Protein backbone atom coordinates (compact mmCIF):
# COMPACT_ATOMS: atom_id res chain seq x y z
CA MET A 1 38.53 -87.82 -51.83
CA ASN A 2 38.32 -84.09 -52.52
CA LEU A 3 39.82 -83.95 -55.99
CA ILE A 4 39.35 -81.00 -58.32
CA GLU A 5 40.23 -81.30 -61.99
CA LEU A 6 40.51 -78.14 -64.07
CA ILE A 7 40.79 -78.32 -67.85
CA ASP A 8 41.26 -75.16 -69.94
CA PHE A 9 40.36 -72.86 -67.05
CA LYS A 10 42.17 -69.54 -67.11
CA LYS A 11 45.92 -70.21 -67.01
CA PHE A 12 45.57 -73.98 -66.50
CA ASP A 13 45.63 -76.35 -69.46
CA GLU A 14 45.03 -79.24 -67.10
CA ILE A 15 45.57 -79.56 -63.36
CA ASN A 16 44.41 -81.90 -60.60
CA VAL A 17 44.30 -80.66 -57.02
CA ASP A 18 43.67 -83.05 -54.15
CA PHE A 19 42.48 -81.22 -51.03
CA ASN A 20 42.95 -82.52 -47.50
CA GLU A 21 39.90 -84.46 -46.33
CA ASN A 22 40.32 -83.08 -42.79
CA GLY A 23 39.12 -79.69 -44.02
CA LEU A 24 42.29 -77.61 -44.07
CA SER A 25 44.44 -77.11 -47.15
CA LEU A 26 47.15 -74.55 -47.80
CA ILE A 27 47.41 -72.92 -51.21
CA SER A 28 50.77 -71.28 -51.78
CA GLY A 29 52.92 -70.30 -54.71
CA VAL A 30 54.84 -67.49 -56.31
CA ASN A 31 53.12 -64.59 -58.04
CA ASN A 32 51.16 -65.56 -61.16
CA SER A 33 51.18 -69.28 -60.30
CA GLY A 34 47.38 -69.65 -60.32
CA LYS A 35 46.34 -69.39 -56.66
CA THR A 36 43.55 -66.93 -57.40
CA SER A 37 42.49 -68.87 -60.49
CA LEU A 38 42.04 -71.96 -58.33
CA LEU A 39 39.92 -69.99 -55.85
CA HIS A 40 37.91 -68.55 -58.75
CA ALA A 41 37.24 -72.07 -60.04
CA LEU A 42 35.95 -73.07 -56.60
CA ALA A 43 33.68 -70.01 -56.51
CA VAL A 44 32.29 -70.74 -59.98
CA TRP A 45 31.60 -74.36 -58.99
CA GLU A 46 29.82 -73.32 -55.78
CA TYR A 47 27.68 -70.81 -57.68
CA ALA A 48 26.74 -73.38 -60.33
CA LYS A 49 25.94 -75.93 -57.61
CA ILE A 50 23.61 -73.48 -55.85
CA LEU A 51 21.80 -72.73 -59.11
CA LEU A 52 21.42 -76.42 -59.90
CA ILE A 53 19.98 -77.17 -56.46
CA ASN A 54 17.60 -74.21 -56.66
CA TYR A 55 16.23 -75.14 -60.10
CA ARG A 56 16.34 -78.96 -60.00
CA GLY A 57 16.53 -79.88 -56.32
CA GLN A 58 19.11 -81.55 -54.09
CA GLN A 59 18.72 -84.90 -55.90
CA SER A 60 20.19 -83.37 -59.08
CA LEU A 61 23.65 -83.50 -57.49
CA LEU A 62 23.57 -87.28 -57.49
C-alpha cells in the first residue's frame, strides 16, 4: 500500500491519497485543487527522510 495522509497541510484539512503500487499514478485536477500542494508534501517527506537517515541511520525508518 502506498497511502499518503495529509492533515492540516496547506489547503488540505485532511486528505488520503492511495498511489498505484505499480509505480505510475496520475495527478490531475482543475486549477487550485491542490496538485502542487500534494507534490510539495511528497518533497517535504523525502527531504525529512533523507535527514533522518543521515543523522540516525537507515534503521531509524523502521
